[in-house]
Amino acid sequence: MDATLTNTATIVIISTLLARLSYLWLLPKPIPQIPHNPVTSIWGDLPAFAHDEKNGYKLFSSIVEDMVRLHGPISQILLAKHCIVILADREESERIALGGKITDTSERFRATVATVLPNSQLSLPANETWKKHRRLAGPNETWKKHRRLAGPSMSKRYLERMSGRIAFCASELVRLWKAKCALVGSDAFDADLDLHLATMDSISI
């Protein structure tokens, strides 16, 4: 009888320990020193986000806004074993892109950026073209100083060189809106995406 109780207790203790270790292993592993919501589930932030979206409370963009408001310009969303880093500060983005170590980005990330900025440094793999872009950009502090000293003249040359393309894109946008007006008549239509794509097209070279 005592042996049976001992074996049962041993099995219960081992099972409890294994369950606890498995739970700890399944918990999301946040990137160190980047703020995030408290880890209370193996699914990370997914349950709260799913509840909000199911009840029509929030879109993903609203969730990102909440994270920025709660944690500042850099934070992370935990999605089970994966995480999404939110970077909402332009200066910090420049520091990482121009002053950090040479590290390649994922193909999916590059493809996403390339849809609006096909020749951007962020849309290129870490090849020779990327290295040339990086050398032209220079280190972060050097780039800031160069931009501060030479920014106005560079902007003027850029606008002179791109004025034809900008005018063409503006004309194409007007043509698109005229075509939309012909289709919808007096009804309104959403122009945000049109403006965004036209702007990206005019500055992408």
N, C-alpha and C. Protein backbone atom coordinates (compact mmCIF):
# COMPACT_ATOMS: atom_id res chain seq x y z
N MET A 1 0.83 -1.21 0.00
CA MET A 1 0.00 0.00 0.00
C MET A 1 0.86 1.26 0.00
N ASP A 2 1.90 1.23 0.89
CA ASP A 2 2.79 2.38 0.94
C ASP A 2 3.55 2.56 -0.37
N ALA A 3 3.95 1.44 -0.97
CA ALA A 3 4.66 1.51 -2.24
C ALA A 3 3.78 2.10 -3.33
N THR A 4 2.48 1.73 -3.31
CA THR A 4 1.54 2.26 -4.30
C THR A 4 1.37 3.76 -4.15
N LEU A 5 1.23 4.21 -2.90
CA LEU A 5 1.09 5.65 -2.65
C LEU A 5 2.34 6.41 -3.06
N THR A 6 3.50 5.80 -2.77
CA THR A 6 4.76 6.44 -3.14
C THR A 6 4.88 6.57 -4.65
N ASN A 7 4.55 5.49 -5.36
CA ASN A 7 4.61 5.52 -6.83
C ASN A 7 3.64 6.54 -7.41
N THR A 8 2.43 6.57 -6.82
CA THR A 8 1.43 7.53 -7.30
C THR A 8 1.88 8.97 -7.08
N ALA A 9 2.42 9.23 -5.89
CA ALA A 9 2.91 10.57 -5.58
C ALA A 9 4.06 10.97 -6.49
N THR A 10 4.94 9.99 -6.75
CA THR A 10 6.08 10.27 -7.65
C THR A 10 5.60 10.62 -9.05
N ILE A 11 4.63 9.84 -9.53
CA ILE A 11 4.09 10.09 -10.87
C ILE A 11 3.43 11.47 -10.94
N VAL A 12 2.66 11.81 -9.89
CA VAL A 12 1.99 13.12 -9.86
C VAL A 12 3.00 14.26 -9.86
N ILE A 13 4.05 14.12 -9.03
CA ILE A 13 5.07 15.17 -8.95
C ILE A 13 5.80 15.33 -10.27
N ILE A 14 6.20 14.18 -10.87
CA ILE A 14 6.91 14.24 -12.15
C ILE A 14 6.02 14.85 -13.24
N SER A 15 4.74 14.44 -13.26
CA SER A 15 3.81 14.97 -14.26
C SER A 15 3.62 16.48 -14.09
N THR A 16 3.53 16.91 -12.82
CA THR A 16 3.37 18.34 -12.54
C THR A 16 4.60 19.12 -13.00
N LEU A 17 5.78 18.58 -12.70
CA LEU A 17 7.01 19.24 -13.11
C LEU A 17 7.12 19.31 -14.63
N LEU A 18 6.78 18.20 -15.30
CA LEU A 18 6.84 18.18 -16.76
C LEU A 18 5.86 19.18 -17.36
N ALA A 19 4.65 19.24 -16.78
CA ALA A 19 3.65 20.18 -17.28
C ALA A 19 4.12 21.62 -17.09
N ARG A 20 4.72 21.87 -15.93
CA ARG A 20 5.22 23.22 -15.65
C ARG A 20 6.36 23.60 -16.58
N LEU A 21 7.29 22.67 -16.78
CA LEU A 21 8.42 22.93 -17.67
C LEU A 21 7.94 23.14 -19.11
N SER A 22 6.95 22.33 -19.52
CA SER A 22 6.41 22.48 -20.88
C SER A 22 5.74 23.83 -21.05
N TYR A 23 5.01 24.25 -20.01
CA TYR A 23 4.34 25.56 -20.06
C TYR A 23 5.36 26.69 -20.16
N LEU A 24 6.41 26.60 -19.35
CA LEU A 24 7.45 27.63 -19.39
C LEU A 24 8.15 27.65 -20.74
N TRP A 25 8.35 26.47 -21.33
CA TRP A 25 9.01 26.40 -22.64
C TRP A 25 8.13 27.00 -23.73
N LEU A 26 6.80 26.82 -23.59
CA LEU A 26 5.88 27.32 -24.61
C LEU A 26 5.60 28.81 -24.48
N LEU A 27 5.91 29.40 -23.34
CA LEU A 27 5.67 30.84 -23.18
C LEU A 27 6.49 31.63 -24.20
N PRO A 28 5.93 32.73 -24.71
CA PRO A 28 6.69 33.57 -25.64
C PRO A 28 7.98 34.07 -25.01
N LYS A 29 9.02 34.18 -25.82
CA LYS A 29 10.31 34.67 -25.34
C LYS A 29 10.55 36.06 -25.93
N PRO A 30 10.22 37.11 -25.18
CA PRO A 30 10.42 38.47 -25.71
C PRO A 30 11.89 38.77 -25.97
N ILE A 31 12.13 39.67 -26.91
CA ILE A 31 13.49 40.15 -27.15
C ILE A 31 13.91 40.99 -25.95
N PRO A 32 15.07 40.72 -25.37
CA PRO A 32 15.48 41.46 -24.17
C PRO A 32 15.53 42.97 -24.39
N GLN A 33 15.14 43.70 -23.37
CA GLN A 33 15.25 45.16 -23.30
C GLN A 33 14.32 45.90 -24.27
N ILE A 34 13.35 45.18 -24.85
CA ILE A 34 12.33 45.84 -25.67
C ILE A 34 10.99 45.70 -24.94
N PRO A 35 10.31 46.81 -24.63
CA PRO A 35 9.07 46.75 -23.85
C PRO A 35 8.00 45.90 -24.53
N HIS A 36 7.15 45.28 -23.72
CA HIS A 36 6.06 44.44 -24.23
C HIS A 36 4.99 44.33 -23.16
N ASN A 37 3.83 43.83 -23.55
CA ASN A 37 2.77 43.57 -22.58
C ASN A 37 3.16 42.40 -21.68
N PRO A 38 2.59 42.31 -20.47
CA PRO A 38 2.91 41.18 -19.59
C PRO A 38 2.61 39.84 -20.26
N VAL A 39 3.49 38.87 -20.08
CA VAL A 39 3.32 37.54 -20.66
C VAL A 39 2.45 36.72 -19.72
N THR A 40 1.20 36.49 -20.09
CA THR A 40 0.26 35.75 -19.25
C THR A 40 -0.29 34.51 -19.92
N SER A 41 0.13 34.25 -21.16
CA SER A 41 -0.41 33.11 -21.90
C SER A 41 0.65 32.61 -22.88
N ILE A 42 0.55 31.32 -23.22
CA ILE A 42 1.48 30.78 -24.21
C ILE A 42 1.21 31.38 -25.58
N TRP A 43 0.05 32.01 -25.75
CA TRP A 43 -0.29 32.64 -27.03
C TRP A 43 0.12 34.10 -27.06
N GLY A 44 0.72 34.60 -26.00
CA GLY A 44 1.16 35.99 -25.98
C GLY A 44 0.00 36.96 -26.03
N ASP A 45 0.05 37.91 -26.95
CA ASP A 45 -0.99 38.93 -27.07
C ASP A 45 -2.17 38.49 -27.93
N LEU A 46 -2.10 37.31 -28.51
CA LEU A 46 -3.15 36.88 -29.44
C LEU A 46 -4.55 36.84 -28.82
N PRO A 47 -4.74 36.27 -27.61
CA PRO A 47 -6.11 36.22 -27.07
C PRO A 47 -6.75 37.60 -26.92
N ALA A 48 -6.01 38.57 -26.41
CA ALA A 48 -6.57 39.92 -26.23
C ALA A 48 -6.89 40.55 -27.58
N PHE A 49 -5.99 40.39 -28.56
CA PHE A 49 -6.23 40.97 -29.87
C PHE A 49 -7.42 40.31 -30.56
N ALA A 50 -7.50 38.98 -30.45
CA ALA A 50 -8.61 38.25 -31.08
C ALA A 50 -9.94 38.66 -30.46
N HIS A 51 -9.96 38.85 -29.14
CA HIS A 51 -11.19 39.27 -28.47
C HIS A 51 -11.62 40.65 -28.94
N ASP A 52 -10.67 41.57 -29.03
CA ASP A 52 -11.01 42.93 -29.46
C ASP A 52 -11.51 42.96 -30.89
N GLU A 53 -10.81 42.24 -31.78
CA GLU A 53 -11.21 42.25 -33.20
C GLU A 53 -12.54 41.53 -33.40
N LYS A 54 -12.76 40.44 -32.63
CA LYS A 54 -14.02 39.69 -32.76
C LYS A 54 -15.21 40.55 -32.39
N ASN A 55 -15.03 41.39 -31.38
CA ASN A 55 -16.12 42.25 -30.92
C ASN A 55 -16.13 43.61 -31.60
N GLY A 56 -15.28 43.77 -32.61
CA GLY A 56 -15.27 44.99 -33.38
C GLY A 56 -14.71 46.19 -32.68
N TYR A 57 -13.89 45.95 -31.65
CA TYR A 57 -13.35 47.07 -30.88
C TYR A 57 -12.16 47.72 -31.57
N LYS A 58 -11.30 46.89 -32.15
CA LYS A 58 -10.04 47.43 -32.66
C LYS A 58 -9.62 46.76 -33.95
N LEU A 59 -8.92 47.50 -34.78
CA LEU A 59 -8.19 46.95 -35.91
C LEU A 59 -6.73 46.81 -35.49
N PHE A 60 -5.94 46.13 -36.32
CA PHE A 60 -4.54 45.93 -35.96
C PHE A 60 -3.81 47.26 -35.85
N SER A 61 -4.17 48.21 -36.72
CA SER A 61 -3.51 49.53 -36.65
C SER A 61 -3.79 50.21 -35.31
N SER A 62 -4.99 50.02 -34.77
CA SER A 62 -5.31 50.59 -33.46
C SER A 62 -4.52 49.91 -32.36
N ILE A 63 -4.29 48.60 -32.51
CA ILE A 63 -3.49 47.86 -31.53
C ILE A 63 -2.07 48.39 -31.52
N VAL A 64 -1.52 48.64 -32.72
CA VAL A 64 -0.17 49.19 -32.81
C VAL A 64 -0.12 50.57 -32.15
N GLU A 65 -1.13 51.39 -32.39
CA GLU A 65 -1.18 52.72 -31.76
C GLU A 65 -1.19 52.60 -30.24
N ASP A 66 -1.95 51.63 -29.73
CA ASP A 66 -1.99 51.42 -28.28
C ASP A 66 -0.63 51.02 -27.74
N MET A 67 0.07 50.15 -28.47
CA MET A 67 1.40 49.71 -28.03
C MET A 67 2.37 50.89 -27.98
N VAL A 68 2.30 51.75 -28.99
CA VAL A 68 3.18 52.93 -29.02
C VAL A 68 2.84 53.86 -27.87
N ARG A 69 1.56 54.03 -27.59
CA ARG A 69 1.15 54.92 -26.50
C ARG A 69 1.56 54.36 -25.13
N LEU A 70 1.48 53.04 -24.97
CA LEU A 70 1.80 52.42 -23.68
C LEU A 70 3.30 52.29 -23.44
N HIS A 71 4.03 51.90 -24.49
CA HIS A 71 5.43 51.51 -24.30
C HIS A 71 6.44 52.45 -24.95
N GLY A 72 5.98 53.43 -25.73
CA GLY A 72 6.93 54.33 -26.36
C GLY A 72 7.20 53.96 -27.81
N PRO A 73 8.23 54.57 -28.42
CA PRO A 73 8.48 54.42 -29.86
C PRO A 73 8.94 53.04 -30.29
N ILE A 74 9.45 52.23 -29.37
CA ILE A 74 9.86 50.87 -29.73
C ILE A 74 9.26 49.89 -28.74
N SER A 75 8.60 48.85 -29.25
CA SER A 75 7.97 47.83 -28.42
C SER A 75 7.84 46.57 -29.25
N GLN A 76 7.27 45.54 -28.66
CA GLN A 76 7.10 44.28 -29.39
C GLN A 76 5.75 43.65 -29.06
N ILE A 77 5.14 43.06 -30.09
CA ILE A 77 3.91 42.30 -29.94
C ILE A 77 4.28 40.82 -29.95
N LEU A 78 3.79 40.08 -28.98
CA LEU A 78 4.12 38.66 -28.84
C LEU A 78 2.99 37.82 -29.44
N LEU A 79 3.33 37.01 -30.42
CA LEU A 79 2.37 36.12 -31.09
C LEU A 79 2.86 34.70 -30.93
N ALA A 80 2.47 34.05 -29.82
CA ALA A 80 2.95 32.71 -29.49
C ALA A 80 4.48 32.71 -29.44
N LYS A 81 5.13 31.90 -30.29
CA LYS A 81 6.60 31.82 -30.26
C LYS A 81 7.25 32.89 -31.13
N HIS A 82 6.45 33.73 -31.76
CA HIS A 82 6.99 34.77 -32.64
C HIS A 82 6.72 36.15 -32.03
N CYS A 83 7.41 37.14 -32.54
CA CYS A 83 7.17 38.51 -32.07
C CYS A 83 7.32 39.48 -33.23
N ILE A 84 6.60 40.59 -33.11
CA ILE A 84 6.67 41.68 -34.09
C ILE A 84 7.21 42.90 -33.37
N VAL A 85 8.30 43.45 -33.85
CA VAL A 85 8.88 44.65 -33.25
C VAL A 85 8.26 45.87 -33.92
N ILE A 86 7.74 46.78 -33.10
CA ILE A 86 7.15 48.03 -33.59
C ILE A 86 8.16 49.14 -33.39
N LEU A 87 8.49 49.81 -34.48
CA LEU A 87 9.44 50.93 -34.42
C LEU A 87 8.75 52.16 -34.98
N ALA A 88 8.39 53.08 -34.09
CA ALA A 88 7.60 54.24 -34.49
C ALA A 88 8.38 55.54 -34.34
N ASP A 89 9.68 55.46 -34.44
CA ASP A 89 10.53 56.64 -34.30
C ASP A 89 11.47 56.74 -35.50
N ARG A 90 11.39 57.85 -36.24
CA ARG A 90 12.19 57.98 -37.46
C ARG A 90 13.68 57.98 -37.17
N GLU A 91 14.09 58.68 -36.12
CA GLU A 91 15.52 58.75 -35.80
C GLU A 91 16.06 57.37 -35.44
N GLU A 92 15.26 56.61 -34.70
CA GLU A 92 15.70 55.27 -34.32
C GLU A 92 15.77 54.36 -35.55
N SER A 93 14.82 54.53 -36.47
CA SER A 93 14.86 53.75 -37.72
C SER A 93 16.12 54.05 -38.51
N GLU A 94 16.48 55.33 -38.59
CA GLU A 94 17.71 55.71 -39.29
C GLU A 94 18.94 55.12 -38.61
N ARG A 95 18.93 55.16 -37.28
CA ARG A 95 20.09 54.64 -36.55
C ARG A 95 20.29 53.15 -36.81
N ILE A 96 19.18 52.40 -36.83
CA ILE A 96 19.27 50.97 -37.07
C ILE A 96 19.65 50.68 -38.51
N ALA A 97 19.01 51.40 -39.46
CA ALA A 97 19.25 51.13 -40.88
C ALA A 97 20.63 51.57 -41.34
N LEU A 98 21.13 52.69 -40.78
CA LEU A 98 22.37 53.26 -41.28
C LEU A 98 23.56 53.05 -40.36
N GLY A 99 23.32 52.92 -39.08
CA GLY A 99 24.44 52.84 -38.15
C GLY A 99 24.64 51.50 -37.49
N GLY A 100 23.74 50.56 -37.74
CA GLY A 100 23.86 49.26 -37.10
C GLY A 100 24.81 48.34 -37.86
N LYS A 101 24.92 47.12 -37.34
CA LYS A 101 25.77 46.14 -37.99
C LYS A 101 25.14 45.67 -39.30
N ILE A 102 25.95 45.08 -40.17
CA ILE A 102 25.45 44.57 -41.45
C ILE A 102 24.71 43.27 -41.18
N THR A 103 23.41 43.32 -41.19
CA THR A 103 22.59 42.13 -40.99
C THR A 103 21.52 42.09 -42.07
N ASP A 104 21.30 40.91 -42.63
CA ASP A 104 20.32 40.77 -43.70
C ASP A 104 18.92 40.67 -43.11
N THR A 105 17.93 41.13 -43.86
CA THR A 105 16.54 41.04 -43.45
C THR A 105 15.88 39.86 -44.15
N SER A 106 14.69 39.50 -43.69
CA SER A 106 14.00 38.36 -44.28
C SER A 106 13.48 38.71 -45.67
N GLU A 107 13.31 37.69 -46.48
CA GLU A 107 12.82 37.90 -47.85
C GLU A 107 11.41 38.47 -47.85
N ARG A 108 10.59 38.02 -46.90
CA ARG A 108 9.22 38.53 -46.81
C ARG A 108 9.20 40.02 -46.49
N PHE A 109 10.07 40.43 -45.55
CA PHE A 109 10.15 41.86 -45.19
C PHE A 109 10.59 42.69 -46.39
N ARG A 110 11.63 42.21 -47.11
CA ARG A 110 12.11 42.96 -48.27
C ARG A 110 11.05 43.06 -49.35
N ALA A 111 10.30 41.98 -49.54
CA ALA A 111 9.24 42.00 -50.56
C ALA A 111 8.14 42.99 -50.19
N THR A 112 7.83 43.09 -48.90
CA THR A 112 6.81 44.03 -48.45
C THR A 112 7.25 45.47 -48.68
N VAL A 113 8.49 45.78 -48.31
CA VAL A 113 9.01 47.14 -48.50
C VAL A 113 9.12 47.47 -49.99
N ALA A 114 9.51 46.47 -50.79
CA ALA A 114 9.73 46.69 -52.22
C ALA A 114 8.45 47.05 -52.97
N THR A 115 7.28 46.74 -52.41
CA THR A 115 6.03 47.09 -53.09
C THR A 115 5.85 48.60 -53.20
N VAL A 116 6.41 49.35 -52.26
CA VAL A 116 6.28 50.82 -52.30
C VAL A 116 7.62 51.51 -52.51
N LEU A 117 8.72 50.88 -52.10
CA LEU A 117 10.06 51.46 -52.26
C LEU A 117 10.99 50.40 -52.83
N PRO A 118 10.88 50.11 -54.14
CA PRO A 118 11.64 49.00 -54.72
C PRO A 118 13.14 49.16 -54.65
N ASN A 119 13.65 50.38 -54.63
CA ASN A 119 15.10 50.59 -54.58
C ASN A 119 15.58 51.10 -53.23
N SER A 120 14.72 51.00 -52.23
CA SER A 120 15.12 51.42 -50.90
C SER A 120 16.16 50.48 -50.32
N GLN A 121 16.99 51.02 -49.42
CA GLN A 121 17.99 50.19 -48.75
C GLN A 121 17.34 49.06 -47.97
N LEU A 122 16.13 49.30 -47.45
CA LEU A 122 15.43 48.29 -46.67
C LEU A 122 14.89 47.16 -47.53
N SER A 123 14.74 47.39 -48.84
CA SER A 123 14.18 46.35 -49.71
C SER A 123 15.25 45.53 -50.42
N LEU A 124 16.52 45.80 -50.12
CA LEU A 124 17.62 45.11 -50.78
C LEU A 124 18.26 44.08 -49.85
N PRO A 125 18.69 42.94 -50.40
CA PRO A 125 19.51 42.02 -49.59
C PRO A 125 20.88 42.63 -49.36
N ALA A 126 21.62 42.08 -48.42
CA ALA A 126 22.94 42.65 -48.08
C ALA A 126 23.98 42.24 -49.12
N ASN A 127 23.80 42.77 -50.34
CA ASN A 127 24.73 42.46 -51.44
C ASN A 127 25.57 43.71 -51.76
N GLU A 128 26.21 43.71 -52.92
CA GLU A 128 27.07 44.84 -53.28
C GLU A 128 26.28 46.14 -53.45
N THR A 129 25.08 46.04 -54.05
CA THR A 129 24.25 47.24 -54.21
C THR A 129 23.89 47.82 -52.85
N TRP A 130 23.52 46.95 -51.93
CA TRP A 130 23.18 47.40 -50.58
C TRP A 130 24.38 48.08 -49.92
N LYS A 131 25.57 47.50 -50.10
CA LYS A 131 26.77 48.09 -49.50
C LYS A 131 27.08 49.46 -50.08
N LYS A 132 26.85 49.62 -51.40
CA LYS A 132 27.07 50.93 -52.02
C LYS A 132 26.11 51.97 -51.45
N HIS A 133 24.84 51.57 -51.30
CA HIS A 133 23.86 52.48 -50.71
C HIS A 133 24.27 52.85 -49.29
N ARG A 134 24.76 51.87 -48.55
CA ARG A 134 25.15 52.13 -47.16
C ARG A 134 26.35 53.07 -47.10
N ARG A 135 27.32 52.87 -48.02
CA ARG A 135 28.48 53.76 -48.02
C ARG A 135 28.08 55.19 -48.36
N LEU A 136 27.12 55.33 -49.29
CA LEU A 136 26.65 56.67 -49.65
C LEU A 136 25.93 57.33 -48.48
N ALA A 137 25.19 56.50 -47.74
CA ALA A 137 24.47 57.05 -46.58
C ALA A 137 25.43 57.41 -45.47
N GLY A 138 26.46 56.58 -45.27
CA GLY A 138 27.47 56.86 -44.24
C GLY A 138 26.98 56.47 -42.87
N PRO A 139 27.87 56.56 -41.88
CA PRO A 139 27.48 56.27 -40.50
C PRO A 139 26.39 57.21 -40.03
N ASN A 140 25.74 56.83 -38.99
CA ASN A 140 24.58 57.58 -38.52
C ASN A 140 24.91 59.04 -38.20
N GLU A 141 25.94 59.26 -37.37
CA GLU A 141 26.26 60.63 -36.97
C GLU A 141 26.75 61.46 -38.16
N THR A 142 27.56 60.81 -39.03
CA THR A 142 28.04 61.52 -40.22
C THR A 142 26.87 61.91 -41.11
N TRP A 143 25.92 60.98 -41.26
CA TRP A 143 24.75 61.25 -42.10
C TRP A 143 23.91 62.39 -41.54
N LYS A 144 23.75 62.42 -40.22
CA LYS A 144 22.98 63.51 -39.63
C LYS A 144 23.65 64.86 -39.88
N LYS A 145 24.98 64.90 -39.69
CA LYS A 145 25.71 66.14 -39.91
C LYS A 145 25.64 66.56 -41.37
N HIS A 146 25.80 65.60 -42.28
CA HIS A 146 25.76 65.90 -43.70
C HIS A 146 24.38 66.40 -44.10
N ARG A 147 23.36 65.76 -43.57
CA ARG A 147 22.00 66.17 -43.90
C ARG A 147 21.72 67.57 -43.37
N ARG A 148 22.25 67.87 -42.16
CA ARG A 148 22.01 69.18 -41.57
C ARG A 148 22.70 70.28 -42.37
N LEU A 149 23.94 70.00 -42.86
CA LEU A 149 24.71 71.01 -43.56
C LEU A 149 24.31 71.14 -45.02
N ALA A 150 24.03 70.00 -45.65
CA ALA A 150 23.80 70.02 -47.10
C ALA A 150 22.36 69.73 -47.48
N GLY A 151 21.48 69.60 -46.50
CA GLY A 151 20.11 69.21 -46.78
C GLY A 151 19.38 70.11 -47.74
N PRO A 152 19.35 71.43 -47.53
CA PRO A 152 18.58 72.30 -48.43
C PRO A 152 19.02 72.22 -49.88
N SER A 153 20.36 72.24 -50.13
CA SER A 153 20.82 72.19 -51.51
C SER A 153 20.52 70.84 -52.13
N MET A 154 20.65 69.77 -51.34
CA MET A 154 20.34 68.43 -51.85
C MET A 154 18.86 68.34 -52.20
N SER A 155 18.01 68.90 -51.35
CA SER A 155 16.58 68.85 -51.62
C SER A 155 16.26 69.62 -52.89
N LYS A 156 16.92 70.75 -53.11
CA LYS A 156 16.67 71.54 -54.31
C LYS A 156 17.07 70.77 -55.55
N ARG A 157 18.26 70.16 -55.52
CA ARG A 157 18.70 69.38 -56.68
C ARG A 157 17.77 68.20 -56.93
N TYR A 158 17.35 67.58 -55.85
CA TYR A 158 16.45 66.44 -55.99
C TYR A 158 15.14 66.86 -56.65
N LEU A 159 14.58 67.97 -56.18
CA LEU A 159 13.31 68.43 -56.74
C LEU A 159 13.46 68.84 -58.20
N GLU A 160 14.59 69.48 -58.54
CA GLU A 160 14.82 69.85 -59.93
C GLU A 160 14.92 68.61 -60.81
N ARG A 161 15.61 67.60 -60.30
CA ARG A 161 15.79 66.37 -61.09
C ARG A 161 14.49 65.57 -61.19
N MET A 162 13.66 65.64 -60.14
CA MET A 162 12.47 64.83 -60.09
C MET A 162 11.20 65.59 -60.46
N SER A 163 11.31 66.86 -60.80
CA SER A 163 10.12 67.66 -61.05
C SER A 163 9.26 67.07 -62.17
N GLY A 164 9.91 66.56 -63.22
CA GLY A 164 9.16 65.96 -64.32
C GLY A 164 8.37 64.75 -63.87
N ARG A 165 9.02 63.89 -63.08
CA ARG A 165 8.34 62.68 -62.60
C ARG A 165 7.21 63.04 -61.63
N ILE A 166 7.46 64.02 -60.77
CA ILE A 166 6.42 64.43 -59.82
C ILE A 166 5.21 64.99 -60.56
N ALA A 167 5.47 65.81 -61.58
CA ALA A 167 4.36 66.37 -62.37
C ALA A 167 3.59 65.28 -63.09
N PHE A 168 4.33 64.28 -63.63
CA PHE A 168 3.67 63.18 -64.33
C PHE A 168 2.78 62.39 -63.37
N CYS A 169 3.31 62.10 -62.17
CA CYS A 169 2.53 61.33 -61.20
C CYS A 169 1.29 62.11 -60.75
N ALA A 170 1.43 63.43 -60.60
CA ALA A 170 0.28 64.25 -60.23
C ALA A 170 -0.78 64.22 -61.32
N SER A 171 -0.34 64.29 -62.58
CA SER A 171 -1.28 64.24 -63.70
C SER A 171 -1.99 62.90 -63.76
N GLU A 172 -1.23 61.82 -63.53
CA GLU A 172 -1.84 60.49 -63.53
C GLU A 172 -2.85 60.35 -62.40
N LEU A 173 -2.55 60.95 -61.25
CA LEU A 173 -3.49 60.90 -60.13
C LEU A 173 -4.78 61.64 -60.46
N VAL A 174 -4.66 62.78 -61.11
CA VAL A 174 -5.84 63.53 -61.53
C VAL A 174 -6.66 62.72 -62.52
N ARG A 175 -5.99 62.07 -63.47
CA ARG A 175 -6.69 61.22 -64.45
C ARG A 175 -7.44 60.09 -63.75
N LEU A 176 -6.79 59.49 -62.75
CA LEU A 176 -7.43 58.40 -62.01
C LEU A 176 -8.67 58.89 -61.29
N TRP A 177 -8.57 60.05 -60.65
CA TRP A 177 -9.72 60.57 -59.92
C TRP A 177 -10.85 60.98 -60.86
N LYS A 178 -10.51 61.50 -62.03
CA LYS A 178 -11.56 61.82 -63.01
C LYS A 178 -12.29 60.56 -63.44
N ALA A 179 -11.53 59.48 -63.64
CA ALA A 179 -12.16 58.21 -64.02
C ALA A 179 -13.04 57.69 -62.90
N LYS A 180 -12.60 57.83 -61.66
CA LYS A 180 -13.41 57.38 -60.53
C LYS A 180 -14.68 58.22 -60.40
N CYS A 181 -14.54 59.54 -60.61
CA CYS A 181 -15.72 60.42 -60.54
C CYS A 181 -16.74 60.04 -61.61
N ALA A 182 -16.24 59.65 -62.78
CA ALA A 182 -17.16 59.24 -63.84
C ALA A 182 -17.91 57.97 -63.46
N LEU A 183 -17.28 57.11 -62.66
CA LEU A 183 -17.91 55.85 -62.25
C LEU A 183 -18.90 56.05 -61.10
N VAL A 184 -18.53 56.83 -60.10
CA VAL A 184 -19.36 56.95 -58.90
C VAL A 184 -20.30 58.15 -58.94
N GLY A 185 -20.11 59.04 -59.90
CA GLY A 185 -20.99 60.20 -59.98
C GLY A 185 -20.76 61.16 -58.83
N SER A 186 -21.85 61.47 -58.11
CA SER A 186 -21.75 62.42 -57.00
C SER A 186 -21.36 61.76 -55.68
N ASP A 187 -21.20 60.44 -55.68
CA ASP A 187 -20.81 59.74 -54.45
C ASP A 187 -19.33 59.98 -54.14
N ALA A 188 -18.99 59.85 -52.86
CA ALA A 188 -17.60 60.02 -52.44
C ALA A 188 -16.83 58.71 -52.60
N PHE A 189 -15.52 58.81 -52.70
CA PHE A 189 -14.67 57.61 -52.74
C PHE A 189 -13.43 57.86 -51.88
N ASP A 190 -12.84 56.78 -51.42
CA ASP A 190 -11.67 56.87 -50.53
C ASP A 190 -10.43 57.18 -51.36
N ALA A 191 -9.76 58.28 -51.04
CA ALA A 191 -8.59 58.71 -51.82
C ALA A 191 -7.28 58.49 -51.08
N ASP A 192 -7.33 57.98 -49.85
CA ASP A 192 -6.10 57.83 -49.05
C ASP A 192 -5.08 56.94 -49.75
N LEU A 193 -5.53 55.77 -50.21
CA LEU A 193 -4.60 54.84 -50.85
C LEU A 193 -4.03 55.42 -52.14
N ASP A 194 -4.87 56.13 -52.90
CA ASP A 194 -4.40 56.76 -54.14
C ASP A 194 -3.28 57.76 -53.85
N LEU A 195 -3.48 58.59 -52.84
CA LEU A 195 -2.46 59.58 -52.47
C LEU A 195 -1.18 58.90 -52.01
N HIS A 196 -1.35 57.85 -51.21
CA HIS A 196 -0.18 57.14 -50.69
C HIS A 196 0.64 56.53 -51.83
N LEU A 197 -0.03 55.82 -52.73
CA LEU A 197 0.68 55.16 -53.83
C LEU A 197 1.29 56.17 -54.80
N ALA A 198 0.56 57.26 -55.05
CA ALA A 198 1.10 58.29 -55.95
C ALA A 198 2.34 58.94 -55.35
N THR A 199 2.31 59.18 -54.04
CA THR A 199 3.48 59.76 -53.38
C THR A 199 4.67 58.83 -53.43
N MET A 200 4.43 57.55 -53.13
CA MET A 200 5.51 56.57 -53.17
C MET A 200 6.09 56.44 -54.58
N ASP A 201 5.19 56.48 -55.57
CA ASP A 201 5.65 56.33 -56.95
C ASP A 201 6.48 57.54 -57.38
N SER A 202 6.14 58.72 -56.89
CA SER A 202 6.85 59.92 -57.31
C SER A 202 8.24 60.04 -56.69
N ILE A 203 8.46 59.43 -55.51
CA ILE A 203 9.76 59.55 -54.86
C ILE A 203 10.63 58.32 -55.05
N SER A 204 10.09 57.24 -55.63
CA SER A 204 10.88 56.02 -55.85
C SER A 204 11.63 56.15 -57.16
N ILE A 205 12.96 56.02 -57.09
CA ILE A 205 13.78 56.14 -58.30
C ILE A 205 14.66 54.93 -58.41
